[in-house]
C-alpha atoms as a PDB file:
ATOM      1  CA  UNK A   1       0.000   0.000   0.000  1.00  0.00           C
ATOM      2  CA  UNK A   2       1.347   3.418  -0.978  1.00  0.00           C
ATOM      3  CA  UNK A   3       2.040   6.024   1.685  1.00  0.00           C
ATOM      4  CA  UNK A   4      -0.779   8.223   0.343  1.00  0.00           C
ATOM      5  CA  UNK A   5      -3.234   5.325   0.509  1.00  0.00           C
ATOM      6  CA  UNK A   6      -2.089   4.527   4.033  1.00  0.00           C
ATOM      7  CA  UNK A   7      -2.778   8.112   5.073  1.00  0.00           C
ATOM      8  CA  UNK A   8      -6.249   8.051   3.514  1.00  0.00           C
ATOM      9  CA  UNK A   9      -7.057   4.794   5.297  1.00  0.00           C
ATOM     10  CA  UNK A  10      -5.707   6.225   8.564  1.00  0.00           C
ATOM     11  CA  UNK A  11      -7.852   9.347   8.130  1.00  0.00           C
ATOM     12  CA  UNK A  12     -10.985   7.318   7.362  1.00  0.00           C
ATOM     13  CA  UNK A  13     -10.474   5.377  10.582  1.00  0.00           C
ATOM     14  CA  UNK A  14      -9.545   8.501  12.555  1.00  0.00           C
ATOM     15  CA  UNK A  15     -12.758  10.254  11.533  1.00  0.00           C
ATOM     16  CA  UNK A  16     -14.724   7.550  13.378  1.00  0.00           C
ATOM     17  CA  UNK A  17     -12.922   8.353  16.678  1.00  0.00           C
ATOM     18  CA  UNK A  18     -11.846   4.708  17.247  1.00  0.00           C
ATOM     19  CA  UNK A  19     -11.044   5.192  20.945  1.00  0.00           C
ATOM     20  CA  UNK A  20     -14.606   6.293  21.620  1.00  0.00           C
ATOM     21  CA  UNK A  21     -15.973   3.545  19.379  1.00  0.00           C
ATOM     22  CA  UNK A  22     -14.081   0.808  21.232  1.00  0.00           C
ATOM     23  CA  UNK A  23     -15.558   1.792  24.583  1.00  0.00           C
ATOM     24  CA  UNK A  24     -19.077   1.989  23.182  1.00  0.00           C
ATOM     25  CA  UNK A  25     -18.854  -1.279  21.253  1.00  0.00           C
ATOM     26  CA  UNK A  26     -17.648  -3.009  24.395  1.00  0.00           C
ATOM     27  CA  UNK A  27     -20.607  -1.498  26.256  1.00  0.00           C
ATOM     28  CA  UNK A  28     -22.983  -2.860  23.601  1.00  0.00           C
ATOM     29  CA  UNK A  29     -21.496  -6.339  24.065  1.00  0.00           C
ATOM     30  CA  UNK A  30     -21.982  -5.975  27.814  1.00  0.00           C
ATOM     31  CA  UNK A  31     -25.656  -5.155  27.319  1.00  0.00           C
ATOM     32  CA  UNK A  32     -26.053  -8.107  24.952  1.00  0.00           C
ATOM     33  CA  UNK A  33     -24.436 -10.468  27.460  1.00  0.00           C
ATOM     34  CA  UNK A  34     -26.596  -9.301  30.357  1.00  0.00           C
ATOM     35  CA  UNK A  35     -29.731 -10.053  28.336  1.00  0.00           C
ATOM     36  CA  UNK A  36     -28.511 -13.348  26.842  1.00  0.00           C
ATOM     37  CA  UNK A  37     -27.401 -14.811  30.202  1.00  0.00           C
ATOM     38  CA  UNK A  38     -24.538 -16.731  28.546  1.00  0.00           C
ATOM     39  CA  UNK A  39     -26.818 -18.406  26.006  1.00  0.00           C
ATOM     40  CA  UNK A  40     -26.603 -16.364  22.837  1.00  0.00           C
ATOM     41  CA  UNK A  41     -26.881 -16.383  19.064  1.00  0.00           C
ATOM     42  CA  UNK A  42     -23.426 -15.652  17.623  1.00  0.00           C
ATOM     43  CA  UNK A  43     -24.792 -14.204  14.370  1.00  0.00           C
ATOM     44  CA  UNK A  44     -27.197 -11.931  16.202  1.00  0.00           C
ATOM     45  CA  UNK A  45     -24.287 -10.667  18.316  1.00  0.00           C
ATOM     46  CA  UNK A  46     -22.177 -10.086  15.205  1.00  0.00           C
ATOM     47  CA  UNK A  47     -24.887  -8.160  13.335  1.00  0.00           C
ATOM     48  CA  UNK A  48     -25.625  -6.090  16.445  1.00  0.00           C
ATOM     49  CA  UNK A  49     -21.937  -5.151  16.748  1.00  0.00           C
ATOM     50  CA  UNK A  50     -21.690  -4.265  13.048  1.00  0.00           C
ATOM     51  CA  UNK A  51     -24.904  -2.237  13.003  1.00  0.00           C
ATOM     52  CA  UNK A  52     -24.162  -0.450  16.258  1.00  0.00           C
ATOM     53  CA  UNK A  53     -20.552   0.315  15.276  1.00  0.00           C
ATOM     54  CA  UNK A  54     -21.423   1.715  11.857  1.00  0.00           C
ATOM     55  CA  UNK A  55     -24.244   3.858  13.277  1.00  0.00           C
ATOM     56  CA  UNK A  56     -21.971   5.301  15.952  1.00  0.00           C
ATOM     57  CA  UNK A  57     -19.175   5.806  13.415  1.00  0.00           C
ATOM     58  CA  UNK A  58     -21.586   7.742  11.214  1.00  0.00           C
ATOM     59  CA  UNK A  59     -22.299  10.088  14.109  1.00  0.00           C
ATOM     60  CA  UNK A  60     -18.630  10.737  14.870  1.00  0.00           C
ATOM     61  CA  UNK A  61     -17.762  11.304  11.198  1.00  0.00           C
ATOM     62  CA  UNK A  62     -20.572  13.830  10.722  1.00  0.00           C
ATOM     63  CA  UNK A  63     -19.559  15.415  14.030  1.00  0.00           C
ATOM     64  CA  UNK A  64     -16.070  15.906  12.567  1.00  0.00           C
ATOM     65  CA  UNK A  65     -17.614  17.436   9.450  1.00  0.00           C
ATOM     66  CA  UNK A  66     -19.765  19.876  11.390  1.00  0.00           C
ATOM     67  CA  UNK A  67     -17.022  20.869  13.881  1.00  0.00           C
ATOM     68  CA  UNK A  68     -14.210  21.301  11.346  1.00  0.00           C
ATOM     69  CA  UNK A  69     -13.884  25.084  11.726  1.00  0.00           C
ATOM     70  CA  UNK A  70     -14.059  25.023  15.507  1.00  0.00           C
ATOM     71  CA  UNK A  71     -11.488  22.204  15.605  1.00  0.00           C
ATOM     72  CA  UNK A  72      -8.972  24.593  14.036  1.00  0.00           C
ATOM     73  CA  UNK A  73      -9.072  26.688  17.210  1.00  0.00           C
ATOM     74  CA  UNK A  74      -7.963  23.910  19.567  1.00  0.00           C
ATOM     75  CA  UNK A  75      -4.502  22.396  19.843  1.00  0.00           C
ATOM     76  CA  UNK A  76      -5.991  18.980  20.608  1.00  0.00           C
ATOM     77  CA  UNK A  77      -8.086  18.880  17.427  1.00  0.00           C
ATOM     78  CA  UNK A  78      -6.416  21.072  14.810  1.00  0.00           C
ATOM     79  CA  UNK A  79      -4.522  18.147  13.281  1.00  0.00           C
ATOM     80  CA  UNK A  80      -7.684  16.148  12.619  1.00  0.00           C
ATOM     81  CA  UNK A  81      -8.375  15.205   9.015  1.00  0.00           C
ATOM     82  CA  UNK A  82     -10.603  18.130   8.029  1.00  0.00           C
ATOM     83  CA  UNK A  83      -8.888  20.991   9.899  1.00  0.00           C
ATOM     84  CA  UNK A  84      -5.572  19.782   8.461  1.00  0.00           C
ATOM     85  CA  UNK A  85      -7.076  19.799   4.948  1.00  0.00           C
ATOM     86  CA  UNK A  86      -6.330  16.159   4.139  1.00  0.00           C
ATOM     87  CA  UNK A  87      -9.859  15.430   2.891  1.00  0.00           C
ATOM     88  CA  UNK A  88     -12.661  17.486   1.370  1.00  0.00           C
ATOM     89  CA  UNK A  89     -15.629  18.247   3.665  1.00  0.00           C
ATOM     90  CA  UNK A  90     -18.229  16.924   1.204  1.00  0.00           C
ATOM     91  CA  UNK A  91     -16.374  13.604   0.914  1.00  0.00           C
ATOM     92  CA  UNK A  92     -16.403  13.259   4.700  1.00  0.00           C
ATOM     93  CA  UNK A  93     -20.108  14.096   4.879  1.00  0.00           C
ATOM     94  CA  UNK A  94     -20.956  11.469   2.251  1.00  0.00           C
ATOM     95  CA  UNK A  95     -18.772   8.948   4.085  1.00  0.00           C
ATOM     96  CA  UNK A  96     -20.663   9.618   7.317  1.00  0.00           C
ATOM     97  CA  UNK A  97     -24.083   9.356   5.673  1.00  0.00           C
ATOM     98  CA  UNK A  98     -23.188   6.046   3.996  1.00  0.00           C
ATOM     99  CA  UNK A  99     -21.975   4.588   7.297  1.00  0.00           C
ATOM    100  CA  UNK A 100     -25.224   5.649   8.950  1.00  0.00           C
ATOM    101  CA  UNK A 101     -27.483   4.240   6.236  1.00  0.00           C
ATOM    102  CA  UNK A 102     -25.691   0.882   6.293  1.00  0.00           C
ATOM    103  CA  UNK A 103     -25.555   0.748  10.090  1.00  0.00           C
ATOM    104  CA  UNK A 104     -29.219   1.551  10.678  1.00  0.00           C
ATOM    105  CA  UNK A 105     -30.266  -0.808   7.870  1.00  0.00           C
ATOM    106  CA  UNK A 106     -28.350  -3.652   9.528  1.00  0.00           C
ATOM    107  CA  UNK A 107     -30.025  -2.917  12.864  1.00  0.00           C
ATOM    108  CA  UNK A 108     -33.513  -2.789  11.357  1.00  0.00           C
ATOM    109  CA  UNK A 109     -33.209  -5.829   9.093  1.00  0.00           C
ATOM    110  CA  UNK A 110     -30.722  -8.192  10.744  1.00  0.00           C
ATOM    111  CA  UNK A 111     -31.254  -7.407  14.439  1.00  0.00           C
ATOM    112  CA  UNK A 112     -34.763  -6.066  15.128  1.00  0.00           C
ATOM    113  CA  UNK A 113     -36.940  -3.002  14.636  1.00  0.00           C
ATOM    114  CA  UNK A 114     -36.528  -1.801  18.236  1.00  0.00           C
ATOM    115  CA  UNK A 115     -32.735  -1.717  17.870  1.00  0.00           C
ATOM    116  CA  UNK A 116     -33.110   0.162  14.598  1.00  0.00           C
ATOM    117  CA  UNK A 117     -35.284   2.778  16.302  1.00  0.00           C
ATOM    118  CA  UNK A 118     -32.831   3.077  19.208  1.00  0.00           C
ATOM    119  CA  UNK A 119     -29.972   3.495  16.738  1.00  0.00           C
ATOM    120  CA  UNK A 120     -31.836   6.311  14.976  1.00  0.00           C
ATOM    121  CA  UNK A 121     -32.631   8.032  18.284  1.00  0.00           C
ATOM    122  CA  UNK A 122     -28.986   7.865  19.344  1.00  0.00           C
ATOM    123  CA  UNK A 123     -27.812   9.159  15.957  1.00  0.00           C
ATOM    124  CA  UNK A 124     -30.311  12.038  15.976  1.00  0.00           C
ATOM    125  CA  UNK A 125     -29.451  12.979  19.567  1.00  0.00           C
ATOM    126  CA  UNK A 126     -25.730  13.081  18.795  1.00  0.00           C
ATOM    127  CA  UNK A 127     -25.854  14.900  15.462  1.00  0.00           C
ATOM    128  CA  UNK A 128     -28.830  17.231  15.716  1.00  0.00           C
ATOM    129  CA  UNK A 129     -29.419  17.815  19.434  1.00  0.00           C
ATOM    130  CA  UNK A 130     -25.816  17.690  20.640  1.00  0.00           C
ATOM    131  CA  UNK A 131     -23.531  18.655  17.722  1.00  0.00           C
ATOM    132  CA  UNK A 132     -25.702  21.126  15.823  1.00  0.00           C
ATOM    133  CA  UNK A 133     -27.525  22.711  18.752  1.00  0.00           C
ATOM    134  CA  UNK A 134     -26.461  22.351  22.386  1.00  0.00           C
ATOM    135  CA  UNK A 135     -22.699  22.044  21.899  1.00  0.00           C
ATOM    136  CA  UNK A 136     -22.662  25.630  20.670  1.00  0.00           C
ATOM    137  CA  UNK A 137     -25.350  27.130  22.850  1.00  0.00           C
ATOM    138  CA  UNK A 138     -25.689  25.522  26.289  1.00  0.00           C
ATOM    139  CA  UNK A 139     -23.861  24.057  29.259  1.00  0.00           C
ATOM    140  CA  UNK A 140     -26.389  21.212  29.086  1.00  0.00           C
ATOM    141  CA  UNK A 141     -24.671  19.821  26.000  1.00  0.00           C
ATOM    142  CA  UNK A 142     -22.666  17.268  27.991  1.00  0.00           C
ATOM    143  CA  UNK A 143     -25.633  15.941  29.950  1.00  0.00           C
ATOM    144  CA  UNK A 144     -28.126  15.822  27.077  1.00  0.00           C
ATOM    145  CA  UNK A 145     -25.443  14.478  24.747  1.00  0.00           C
ATOM    146  CA  UNK A 146     -25.241  11.520  27.102  1.00  0.00           C
ATOM    147  CA  UNK A 147     -28.470  10.202  25.561  1.00  0.00           C
ATOM    148  CA  UNK A 148     -26.609   9.073  22.440  1.00  0.00           C
ATOM    149  CA  UNK A 149     -23.667   7.735  24.426  1.00  0.00           C
ATOM    150  CA  UNK A 150     -25.994   5.598  26.536  1.00  0.00           C
ATOM    151  CA  UNK A 151     -27.585   3.830  23.569  1.00  0.00           C
ATOM    152  CA  UNK A 152     -24.981   1.124  22.741  1.00  0.00           C
ATOM    153  CA  UNK A 153     -25.575  -1.153  25.776  1.00  0.00           C
ATOM    154  CA  UNK A 154     -29.337  -0.664  25.397  1.00  0.00           C
ATOM    155  CA  UNK A 155     -29.136  -1.710  21.739  1.00  0.00           C
ATOM    156  CA  UNK A 156     -27.114  -4.761  22.763  1.00  0.00           C
ATOM    157  CA  UNK A 157     -29.635  -5.663  25.442  1.00  0.00           C
ATOM    158  CA  UNK A 158     -32.701  -5.122  23.231  1.00  0.00           C
ATOM    159  CA  UNK A 159     -31.143  -7.174  20.436  1.00  0.00           C
ATOM    160  CA  UNK A 160     -31.793 -10.170  22.685  1.00  0.00           C
ATOM    161  CA  UNK A 161     -34.947  -9.192  24.571  1.00  0.00           C
ATOM    162  CA  UNK A 162     -36.727  -7.250  21.791  1.00  0.00           C
ATOM    163  CA  UNK A 163     -38.333  -5.185  24.552  1.00  0.00           C
ATOM    164  CA  UNK A 164     -37.439  -2.078  26.533  1.00  0.00           C
ATOM    165  CA  UNK A 165     -37.700  -3.253  30.146  1.00  0.00           C
ATOM    166  CA  UNK A 166     -35.980  -2.481  33.462  1.00  0.00           C
ATOM    167  CA  UNK A 167     -32.719  -4.015  32.262  1.00  0.00           C
ATOM    168  CA  UNK A 168     -32.636  -1.589  29.338  1.00  0.00           C
ATOM    169  CA  UNK A 169     -33.495   1.328  31.632  1.00  0.00           C
ATOM    170  CA  UNK A 170     -30.662   0.520  34.056  1.00  0.00           C
ATOM    171  CA  UNK A 171     -28.110   0.090  31.270  1.00  0.00           C
ATOM    172  CA  UNK A 172     -29.186   3.421  29.791  1.00  0.00           C
ATOM    173  CA  UNK A 173     -28.987   5.101  33.193  1.00  0.00           C
ATOM    174  CA  UNK A 174     -25.548   3.677  33.896  1.00  0.00           C
ATOM    175  CA  UNK A 175     -23.940   5.015  30.697  1.00  0.00           C
ATOM    176  CA  UNK A 176     -25.898   8.263  30.836  1.00  0.00           C
ATOM    177  CA  UNK A 177     -24.686   8.979  34.383  1.00  0.00           C
ATOM    178  CA  UNK A 178     -21.087   7.946  33.640  1.00  0.00           C
ATOM    179  CA  UNK A 179     -20.523  10.473  30.867  1.00  0.00           C
ATOM    180  CA  UNK A 180     -20.674  13.905  32.573  1.00  0.00           C
ATOM    181  CA  UNK A 181     -18.030  13.165  35.216  1.00  0.00           C
ATOM    182  CA  UNK A 182     -15.887  11.513  32.547  1.00  0.00           C
ATOM    183  CA  UNK A 183     -16.067  14.364  30.037  1.00  0.00           C
ATOM    184  CA  UNK A 184     -15.950  17.218  32.542  1.00  0.00           C
ATOM    185  CA  UNK A 185     -12.669  15.814  33.884  1.00  0.00           C
ATOM    186  CA  UNK A 186     -11.217  16.309  30.408  1.00  0.00           C
ATOM    187  CA  UNK A 187     -12.948  19.661  29.953  1.00  0.00           C
ATOM    188  CA  UNK A 188     -11.401  21.004  33.180  1.00  0.00           C
ATOM    189  CA  UNK A 189      -7.937  20.174  31.880  1.00  0.00           C
ATOM    190  CA  UNK A 190      -8.659  21.813  28.511  1.00  0.00           C
ATOM    191  CA  UNK A 191     -10.839  24.645  29.797  1.00  0.00           C
ATOM    192  CA  UNK A 192      -8.847  27.465  28.166  1.00  0.00           C
ATOM    193  CA  UNK A 193      -8.842  25.687  24.797  1.00  0.00           C
ATOM    194  CA  UNK A 194     -12.602  25.232  24.951  1.00  0.00           C
ATOM    195  CA  UNK A 195     -12.999  28.862  25.999  1.00  0.00           C
ATOM    196  CA  UNK A 196     -10.914  30.048  23.038  1.00  0.00           C
ATOM    197  CA  UNK A 197     -12.891  27.833  20.661  1.00  0.00           C
ATOM    198  CA  UNK A 198     -16.175  29.255  21.942  1.00  0.00           C
ATOM    199  CA  UNK A 199     -17.686  26.083  23.416  1.00  0.00           C
ATOM    200  CA  UNK A 200     -20.013  26.978  26.338  1.00  0.00           C
ATOM    201  CA  UNK A 201     -19.061  23.986  28.470  1.00  0.00           C
ATOM    202  CA  UNK A 202     -19.836  23.990  32.176  1.00  0.00           C
ATOM    203  CA  UNK A 203     -16.257  24.743  33.389  1.00  0.00           C
ATOM    204  CA  UNK A 204     -16.036  27.586  30.851  1.00  0.00           C
ATOM    205  CA  UNK A 205     -19.355  29.216  31.797  1.00  0.00           C
ATOM    206  CA  UNK A 206     -19.812  28.321  35.478  1.00  0.00           C
ATOM    207  CA  UNK A 207     -16.242  27.683  36.551  1.00  0.00           C
ATOM    208  CA  UNK A 208     -14.189  24.666  37.620  1.00  0.00           C
ATOM    209  CA  UNK A 209     -15.446  24.450  41.203  1.00  0.00           C
ATOM    210  CA  UNK A 210     -19.084  24.415  40.089  1.00  0.00           C
ATOM    211  CA  UNK A 211     -18.212  21.674  37.597  1.00  0.00           C
ATOM    212  CA  UNK A 212     -16.608  19.537  40.303  1.00  0.00           C
ATOM    213  CA  UNK A 213     -19.700  19.936  42.487  1.00  0.00           C
ATOM    214  CA  UNK A 214     -22.023  19.013  39.634  1.00  0.00           C
ATOM    215  CA  UNK A 215     -20.167  15.737  39.034  1.00  0.00           C
ATOM    216  CA  UNK A 216     -21.134  14.460  42.475  1.00  0.00           C
ATOM    217  CA  UNK A 217     -24.902  13.836  42.030  1.00  0.00           C
ATOM    218  CA  UNK A 218     -24.245  11.908  38.814  1.00  0.00           C
ATOM    219  CA  UNK A 219     -21.872   9.572  40.628  1.00  0.00           C
ATOM    220  CA  UNK A 220     -24.242   9.168  43.584  1.00  0.00           C
ATOM    221  CA  UNK A 221     -27.017   8.147  41.189  1.00  0.00           C
ATOM    222  CA  UNK A 222     -24.612   5.817  39.402  1.00  0.00           C
ATOM    223  CA  UNK A 223     -23.923   4.096  42.723  1.00  0.00           C
ATOM    224  CA  UNK A 224     -27.660   3.537  43.099  1.00  0.00           C
ATOM    225  CA  UNK A 225     -27.801   2.193  39.541  1.00  0.00           C
ATOM    226  CA  UNK A 226     -25.088  -0.452  40.002  1.00  0.00           C
ATOM    227  CA  UNK A 227     -26.843  -1.649  43.161  1.00  0.00           C
ATOM    228  CA  UNK A 228     -30.122  -1.943  41.243  1.00  0.00           C
ATOM    229  CA  UNK A 229     -28.433  -4.235  38.707  1.00  0.00           C
ATOM    230  CA  UNK A 230     -28.148  -6.756  41.536  1.00  0.00           C
ATOM    231  CA  UNK A 231     -31.578  -5.976  43.004  1.00  0.00           C
ATOM    232  CA  UNK A 232     -33.257  -6.738  39.669  1.00  0.00           C
ATOM    233  CA  UNK A 233     -31.218  -9.944  39.287  1.00  0.00           C
ATOM    234  CA  UNK A 234     -29.310  -8.771  36.220  1.00  0.00           C
ATOM    235  CA  UNK A 235     -25.920  -9.374  37.837  1.00  0.00           C
ATOM    236  CA  UNK A 236     -24.494 -11.347  40.747  1.00  0.00           C
ATOM    237  CA  UNK A 237     -22.938 -10.580  44.122  1.00  0.00           C
ATOM    238  CA  UNK A 238     -19.402 -10.269  42.725  1.00  0.00           C
ATOM    239  CA  UNK A 239     -20.544  -7.458  40.420  1.00  0.00           C
ATOM    240  CA  UNK A 240     -22.391  -5.764  43.269  1.00  0.00           C
ATOM    241  CA  UNK A 241     -19.358  -5.745  45.557  1.00  0.00           C
ATOM    242  CA  UNK A 242     -16.720  -4.720  43.011  1.00  0.00           C
ATOM    243  CA  UNK A 243     -18.818  -2.114  41.183  1.00  0.00           C
ATOM    244  CA  UNK A 244     -19.883  -0.571  44.491  1.00  0.00           C
ATOM    245  CA  UNK A 245     -16.265  -0.323  45.666  1.00  0.00           C
ATOM    246  CA  UNK A 246     -15.131   1.217  42.371  1.00  0.00           C
ATOM    247  CA  UNK A 247     -18.018   3.690  42.261  1.00  0.00           C
ATOM    248  CA  UNK A 248     -17.424   4.787  45.846  1.00  0.00           C
ATOM    249  CA  UNK A 249     -13.699   5.199  45.090  1.00  0.00           C
ATOM    250  CA  UNK A 250     -14.482   7.404  42.085  1.00  0.00           C
ATOM    251  CA  UNK A 251     -17.052   9.368  44.101  1.00  0.00           C
ATOM    252  CA  UNK A 252     -14.619   9.970  46.961  1.00  0.00           C
ATOM    253  CA  UNK A 253     -11.875  11.081  44.573  1.00  0.00           C
ATOM    254  CA  UNK A 254     -14.319  13.461  42.900  1.00  0.00           C
ATOM    255  CA  UNK A 255     -15.321  14.967  46.252  1.00  0.00           C
ATOM    256  CA  UNK A 256     -11.617  15.333  47.131  1.00  0.00           C
ATOM    257  CA  UNK A 257     -11.305  17.434  43.998  1.00  0.00           C
ATOM    258  CA  UNK A 258     -13.120  20.242  45.809  1.00  0.00           C
ATOM    259  CA  UNK A 259     -10.045  20.565  48.025  1.00  0.00           C
ATOM    260  CA  UNK A 260      -7.332  19.631  45.534  1.00  0.00           C
ATOM    261  CA  UNK A 261      -4.466  22.120  45.279  1.00  0.00           C
ATOM    262  CA  UNK A 262      -3.367  20.825  41.876  1.00  0.00           C
ATOM    263  CA  UNK A 263      -6.537  20.760  39.761  1.00  0.00           C
ATOM    264  CA  UNK A 264      -4.671  19.658  36.630  1.00  0.00           C
ATOM    265  CA  UNK A 265      -3.274  16.567  38.372  1.00  0.00           C
ATOM    266  CA  UNK A 266      -6.623  15.788  40.000  1.00  0.00           C
ATOM    267  CA  UNK A 267      -8.567  16.113  36.725  1.00  0.00           C
ATOM    268  CA  UNK A 268      -6.079  13.923  34.849  1.00  0.00           C
ATOM    269  CA  UNK A 269      -6.402  11.144  37.423  1.00  0.00           C
ATOM    270  CA  UNK A 270     -10.191  11.509  37.576  1.00  0.00           C
ATOM    271  CA  UNK A 271     -10.332  11.098  33.809  1.00  0.00           C
ATOM    272  CA  UNK A 272      -8.179   7.963  33.972  1.00  0.00           C
ATOM    273  CA  UNK A 273     -10.433   6.573  36.702  1.00  0.00           C
ATOM    274  CA  UNK A 274     -13.485   7.108  34.512  1.00  0.00           C
ATOM    275  CA  UNK A 275     -12.032   5.300  31.476  1.00  0.00           C
ATOM    276  CA  UNK A 276     -10.773   2.303  33.456  1.00  0.00           C
ATOM    277  CA  UNK A 277     -13.919   2.218  35.586  1.00  0.00           C
ATOM    278  CA  UNK A 278     -16.156   1.710  32.566  1.00  0.00           C
ATOM    279  CA  UNK A 279     -14.003  -1.060  31.112  1.00  0.00           C
ATOM    280  CA  UNK A 280     -13.668  -2.934  34.413  1.00  0.00           C
ATOM    281  CA  UNK A 281     -17.343  -2.678  35.336  1.00  0.00           C
ATOM    282  CA  UNK A 282     -18.499  -3.994  31.968  1.00  0.00           C
ATOM    283  CA  UNK A 283     -15.984  -6.860  32.089  1.00  0.00           C
ATOM    284  CA  UNK A 284     -17.280  -7.807  35.540  1.00  0.00           C
ATOM    285  CA  UNK A 285     -20.873  -7.386  34.308  1.00  0.00           C
ATOM    286  CA  UNK A 286     -20.192  -9.905  31.531  1.00  0.00           C
ATOM    287  CA  UNK A 287     -18.456 -12.357  33.864  1.00  0.00           C
ATOM    288  CA  UNK A 288     -21.057 -12.089  36.616  1.00  0.00           C
ATOM    289  CA  UNK A 289     -24.247 -11.847  34.575  1.00  0.00           C
ATOM    290  CA  UNK A 290     -27.041 -13.712  36.338  1.00  0.00           C
ATOM    291  CA  UNK A 291     -27.347 -17.019  34.528  1.00  0.00           C
ATOM    292  CA  UNK A 292     -30.565 -18.803  33.685  1.00  0.00           C
END
């Protein structure tokens, strides 16, 4: 493969934000496993992963298209494909639309109608509500944007159950509540970049201390959510104990942030906690899913 072709391939992958995709795909597998209780259809799992991944990738690609001018203003994003001028905007938009059409079609036809609808809701929430509207106008962008981020495990779960029940609600709540504390930890570290780019994020508009305080209720509710997984017999005792310990640890560290002298160091560690927390909890959820 020529160097130019390698760069194009690298850019096509980069536009999908693979780091974000990996976490969300893993979450969708976790939701699928909770519903299947270790007795699953391999092909259904495969089509769910493909459909969910392509739908999410469509959202991230179109997000890159829509944010290309703002990305130029931030050190962290100015070398992305579009700000760097390595691809034409219209080509990226078409790429994103094609991914979305294929992804949603797979969900509707090879998984089930409910998953197709959930995929469309997540896509619409991410592109229209979050990217086009709230990201540029409101501090609520992070919280409301969590709707799309919470869809993958729900899609995985509903691929098996074909119904939106308490299991789906708890999986949605878990991912929805995880996202603000995760993203605000990054936003605190990059607050001046976001301010210069004109994004009205919570730490930019209300300040860092207010942002730290606002993380706390999300984590308290997430603690309640992981306990309810056990109460509703979706997971076992091992999950209950470990997820409770990890959630309390994250909550305590977040509260300690109110008194931290080095906010940069605190925010960096809080962000690392959030990433590893999600991966560990979903691994344990898969291992300790309540079996039939």
